[in-house]
């Protein structure tokens, strides 16, 4: 029984999984925060492309 508890305490598998989960959560939050700005800027950049492709250039 003591050997099982010692192995459990010495194991770092759970800590590694938690670290990866925290990295994934931080990455997700960063993407959620940045995507609206990127979408707005990209839309502003590409909006003249539609009329230009249709042949209605000003």
Protein backbone atom coordinates (compact mmCIF):
# COMPACT_ATOMS: atom_id res chain seq x y z
CA UNK A 1 0.00 0.00 0.00
CA UNK A 2 2.81 2.38 0.86
CA UNK A 3 4.49 1.65 -2.47
CA UNK A 4 1.33 2.59 -4.36
CA UNK A 5 1.04 5.88 -2.47
CA UNK A 6 4.72 6.65 -3.05
CA UNK A 7 4.34 6.01 -6.80
CA UNK A 8 1.24 8.22 -6.90
CA UNK A 9 3.00 11.08 -5.13
CA UNK A 10 6.12 10.73 -7.31
CA UNK A 11 4.17 10.58 -10.57
CA UNK A 12 4.20 13.75 -12.68
CA UNK A 13 1.78 12.56 -15.38
CA UNK A 14 -1.15 14.45 -13.89
CA UNK A 15 0.86 17.64 -13.51
CA UNK A 16 1.91 17.48 -17.15
CA UNK A 17 -1.67 17.00 -18.29
CA UNK A 18 -2.79 19.98 -16.22
CA UNK A 19 -0.02 22.11 -17.68
CA UNK A 20 -1.07 21.21 -21.22
CA UNK A 21 -4.70 21.98 -20.35
CA UNK A 22 -3.71 25.40 -19.01
CA UNK A 23 -1.69 26.15 -22.15
CA UNK A 24 -4.64 25.12 -24.34
CA UNK A 25 -7.03 27.28 -22.29
CA UNK A 26 -4.73 30.30 -22.49
CA UNK A 27 -4.35 29.86 -26.24
CA UNK A 28 -8.12 29.60 -26.65
CA UNK A 29 -8.71 32.75 -24.63
CA UNK A 30 -6.12 34.64 -26.66
CA UNK A 31 -7.77 33.55 -29.91
CA UNK A 32 -11.22 34.55 -28.68
CA UNK A 33 -9.87 37.97 -27.69
CA UNK A 34 -8.05 38.61 -30.98
CA UNK A 35 -10.41 37.14 -33.59
CA UNK A 36 -12.99 39.96 -33.63
CA UNK A 37 -10.26 42.50 -34.41
CA UNK A 38 -8.75 40.32 -37.11
CA UNK A 39 -12.17 39.73 -38.64
CA UNK A 40 -12.99 43.42 -38.75
CA UNK A 41 -9.64 44.35 -40.28
CA UNK A 42 -9.79 41.53 -42.80
CA UNK A 43 -13.31 42.48 -43.83
CA UNK A 44 -12.24 46.10 -44.34
CA UNK A 45 -9.31 44.98 -46.48
CA UNK A 46 -11.31 42.56 -48.63
CA UNK A 47 -14.50 44.60 -49.13
CA UNK A 48 -13.17 46.42 -52.24
CA UNK A 49 -12.31 43.07 -53.79
CA UNK A 50 -15.94 42.08 -54.52
CA UNK A 51 -16.80 45.02 -56.80
CA UNK A 52 -13.37 44.82 -58.46
CA UNK A 53 -13.94 41.18 -59.37
CA UNK A 54 -17.43 41.96 -60.64
CA UNK A 55 -16.01 44.65 -62.94
CA UNK A 56 -17.64 47.55 -61.09
CA UNK A 57 -14.45 49.37 -60.12
CA UNK A 58 -14.93 53.02 -59.23
